[in-house]
Amino acid sequence: MINNSNQEWAVGATVKVGFMAGLIVIARIPTPGDYAPDAYILGRGNKLYSFVPHKGLTVIAPEEARAKIVKARRQAEVAAEQAARVALSFVTAAEVRAELLVVG
């Protein structure tokens, strides 16, 4: 996510990239684990763009934008499921410790 910017990069915000003003942030595509900056899907008029900080702005087709957003949602769901499993394992371990303290 872009943090050190004077612009608001939330979905629905209007941003300027280089000389192109009036771009609307349609989606943020997180890139977890690869230390690369997040990508953004931006729109202006009837065109869609993919923007990655330090990489640039490229025109993309609606199908490509849709595929990127769907893939990002799937990745977020998988990450949430993994986090839930980890949290459950911590809760289970805490319950076992509590039982052992009562028994011991």
C-alpha atoms as a PDB file:
ATOM      1  CA  MET A   1       0.000   0.000   0.000  1.00  0.00           C
ATOM      2  CA  ILE A   2       1.227   3.504  -0.776  1.00  0.00           C
ATOM      3  CA  ASN A   3       1.796   5.262   2.537  1.00  0.00           C
ATOM      4  CA  ASN A   4       4.265   8.073   1.848  1.00  0.00           C
ATOM      5  CA  SER A   5       2.201  10.098  -0.606  1.00  0.00           C
ATOM      6  CA  ASN A   6       0.180  13.278  -0.468  1.00  0.00           C
ATOM      7  CA  GLN A   7      -2.591  11.460  -2.318  1.00  0.00           C
ATOM      8  CA  GLU A   8      -5.212   9.131  -0.880  1.00  0.00           C
ATOM      9  CA  TRP A   9      -4.859   5.692  -2.515  1.00  0.00           C
ATOM     10  CA  ALA A  10      -8.081   4.183  -1.167  1.00  0.00           C
ATOM     11  CA  VAL A  11     -10.570   2.530  -3.514  1.00  0.00           C
ATOM     12  CA  GLY A  12     -12.744   5.236  -5.041  1.00  0.00           C
ATOM     13  CA  ALA A  13     -10.178   8.018  -4.578  1.00  0.00           C
ATOM     14  CA  THR A  14      -8.993  10.165  -7.480  1.00  0.00           C
ATOM     15  CA  VAL A  15      -5.223  10.244  -7.996  1.00  0.00           C
ATOM     16  CA  LYS A  16      -2.628  11.648 -10.347  1.00  0.00           C
ATOM     17  CA  VAL A  17       0.162   9.498 -11.781  1.00  0.00           C
ATOM     18  CA  GLY A  18       2.798  11.502 -13.575  1.00  0.00           C
ATOM     19  CA  PHE A  19       1.007  13.830 -15.970  1.00  0.00           C
ATOM     20  CA  MET A  20      -2.221  11.780 -15.901  1.00  0.00           C
ATOM     21  CA  ALA A  21      -4.727  13.305 -13.512  1.00  0.00           C
ATOM     22  CA  GLY A  22      -8.242  12.174 -12.729  1.00  0.00           C
ATOM     23  CA  LEU A  23      -7.476   8.455 -12.378  1.00  0.00           C
ATOM     24  CA  ILE A  24      -9.904   6.654 -10.079  1.00  0.00           C
ATOM     25  CA  VAL A  25      -8.575   3.868  -7.857  1.00  0.00           C
ATOM     26  CA  ILE A  26     -10.720   0.836  -8.672  1.00  0.00           C
ATOM     27  CA  ALA A  27      -8.821  -1.844  -6.738  1.00  0.00           C
ATOM     28  CA  ARG A  28      -5.637  -2.462  -4.782  1.00  0.00           C
ATOM     29  CA  ILE A  29      -3.881  -5.708  -5.624  1.00  0.00           C
ATOM     30  CA  PRO A  30      -1.698  -6.739  -2.664  1.00  0.00           C
ATOM     31  CA  THR A  31       1.575  -8.522  -3.370  1.00  0.00           C
ATOM     32  CA  PRO A  32       2.241 -10.383  -0.122  1.00  0.00           C
ATOM     33  CA  GLY A  33       5.514 -12.169   0.399  1.00  0.00           C
ATOM     34  CA  ASP A  34       7.450 -10.819  -2.577  1.00  0.00           C
ATOM     35  CA  TYR A  35       8.400  -7.416  -1.077  1.00  0.00           C
ATOM     36  CA  ALA A  36       7.182  -5.695  -4.244  1.00  0.00           C
ATOM     37  CA  PRO A  37       4.886  -2.678  -3.981  1.00  0.00           C
ATOM     38  CA  ASP A  38       1.158  -3.306  -4.286  1.00  0.00           C
ATOM     39  CA  ALA A  39      -0.398  -2.883  -7.704  1.00  0.00           C
ATOM     40  CA  TYR A  40      -3.430  -0.730  -8.373  1.00  0.00           C
ATOM     41  CA  ILE A  41      -6.168  -0.919 -10.978  1.00  0.00           C
ATOM     42  CA  LEU A  42      -7.021   2.621 -12.069  1.00  0.00           C
ATOM     43  CA  GLY A  43      -9.661   3.913 -14.433  1.00  0.00           C
ATOM     44  CA  ARG A  44     -10.264   7.064 -16.414  1.00  0.00           C
ATOM     45  CA  GLY A  45     -13.001   7.407 -18.985  1.00  0.00           C
ATOM     46  CA  ASN A  46     -13.360   4.050 -20.728  1.00  0.00           C
ATOM     47  CA  LYS A  47      -9.739   2.934 -20.133  1.00  0.00           C
ATOM     48  CA  LEU A  48      -8.301   0.800 -17.376  1.00  0.00           C
ATOM     49  CA  TYR A  49      -4.709   0.943 -16.182  1.00  0.00           C
ATOM     50  CA  SER A  50      -2.449  -1.163 -14.019  1.00  0.00           C
ATOM     51  CA  PHE A  51      -0.101   0.905 -11.853  1.00  0.00           C
ATOM     52  CA  VAL A  52       2.820  -0.429  -9.848  1.00  0.00           C
ATOM     53  CA  PRO A  53       4.948   2.181  -8.069  1.00  0.00           C
ATOM     54  CA  HIS A  54       8.439   2.425  -9.584  1.00  0.00           C
ATOM     55  CA  LYS A  55       7.327   0.221 -12.505  1.00  0.00           C
ATOM     56  CA  GLY A  56       4.851   2.472 -14.269  1.00  0.00           C
ATOM     57  CA  LEU A  57       1.379   2.720 -15.668  1.00  0.00           C
ATOM     58  CA  THR A  58       0.121   0.388 -18.395  1.00  0.00           C
ATOM     59  CA  VAL A  59      -3.189   0.126 -20.220  1.00  0.00           C
ATOM     60  CA  ILE A  60      -4.977  -3.171 -19.557  1.00  0.00           C
ATOM     61  CA  ALA A  61      -8.083  -4.864 -20.901  1.00  0.00           C
ATOM     62  CA  PRO A  62     -11.185  -5.211 -18.705  1.00  0.00           C
ATOM     63  CA  GLU A  63     -10.718  -8.997 -18.679  1.00  0.00           C
ATOM     64  CA  GLU A  64      -7.181  -8.630 -17.323  1.00  0.00           C
ATOM     65  CA  ALA A  65      -8.353  -6.201 -14.630  1.00  0.00           C
ATOM     66  CA  ARG A  66     -11.133  -8.589 -13.646  1.00  0.00           C
ATOM     67  CA  ALA A  67      -8.709 -11.535 -13.491  1.00  0.00           C
ATOM     68  CA  LYS A  68      -6.280  -9.583 -11.285  1.00  0.00           C
ATOM     69  CA  ILE A  69      -9.046  -8.582  -8.884  1.00  0.00           C
ATOM     70  CA  VAL A  70     -10.431 -12.143  -8.677  1.00  0.00           C
ATOM     71  CA  LYS A  71      -6.938 -13.533  -8.051  1.00  0.00           C
ATOM     72  CA  ALA A  72      -6.340 -10.963  -5.285  1.00  0.00           C
ATOM     73  CA  ARG A  73      -9.645 -11.867  -3.628  1.00  0.00           C
ATOM     74  CA  ARG A  74      -8.759 -15.566  -3.732  1.00  0.00           C
ATOM     75  CA  GLN A  75      -5.358 -14.854  -2.185  1.00  0.00           C
ATOM     76  CA  ALA A  76      -7.018 -12.804   0.568  1.00  0.00           C
ATOM     77  CA  GLU A  77      -9.456 -15.641   1.305  1.00  0.00           C
ATOM     78  CA  VAL A  78      -6.612 -18.167   1.522  1.00  0.00           C
ATOM     79  CA  ALA A  79      -4.637 -15.862   3.835  1.00  0.00           C
ATOM     80  CA  ALA A  80      -7.702 -15.399   6.060  1.00  0.00           C
ATOM     81  CA  GLU A  81      -8.249 -19.161   6.255  1.00  0.00           C
ATOM     82  CA  GLN A  82      -4.606 -19.719   7.188  1.00  0.00           C
ATOM     83  CA  ALA A  83      -4.791 -17.016   9.864  1.00  0.00           C
ATOM     84  CA  ALA A  84      -7.954 -18.618  11.274  1.00  0.00           C
ATOM     85  CA  ARG A  85      -6.224 -22.015  11.452  1.00  0.00           C
ATOM     86  CA  VAL A  86      -3.235 -20.515  13.261  1.00  0.00           C
ATOM     87  CA  ALA A  87      -5.506 -18.664  15.695  1.00  0.00           C
ATOM     88  CA  LEU A  88      -7.458 -21.856  16.374  1.00  0.00           C
ATOM     89  CA  SER A  89      -4.246 -23.755  17.103  1.00  0.00           C
ATOM     90  CA  PHE A  90      -3.220 -21.083  19.641  1.00  0.00           C
ATOM     91  CA  VAL A  91      -6.641 -21.229  21.314  1.00  0.00           C
ATOM     92  CA  THR A  92      -6.520 -25.023  21.452  1.00  0.00           C
ATOM     93  CA  ALA A  93      -3.019 -24.963  22.954  1.00  0.00           C
ATOM     94  CA  ALA A  94      -4.130 -22.411  25.558  1.00  0.00           C
ATOM     95  CA  GLU A  95      -7.120 -24.582  26.503  1.00  0.00           C
ATOM     96  CA  VAL A  96      -4.869 -27.615  26.926  1.00  0.00           C
ATOM     97  CA  ARG A  97      -2.456 -25.633  29.129  1.00  0.00           C
ATOM     98  CA  ALA A  98      -5.353 -24.381  31.239  1.00  0.00           C
ATOM     99  CA  GLU A  99      -6.655 -27.937  31.703  1.00  0.00           C
ATOM    100  CA  LEU A 100      -3.195 -29.181  32.660  1.00  0.00           C
ATOM    101  CA  LEU A 101      -2.827 -26.417  35.256  1.00  0.00           C
ATOM    102  CA  VAL A 102      -6.148 -27.412  36.845  1.00  0.00           C
ATOM    103  CA  VAL A 103      -5.253 -31.119  36.835  1.00  0.00           C
ATOM    104  CA  GLY A 104      -1.635 -30.592  37.917  1.00  0.00           C
END
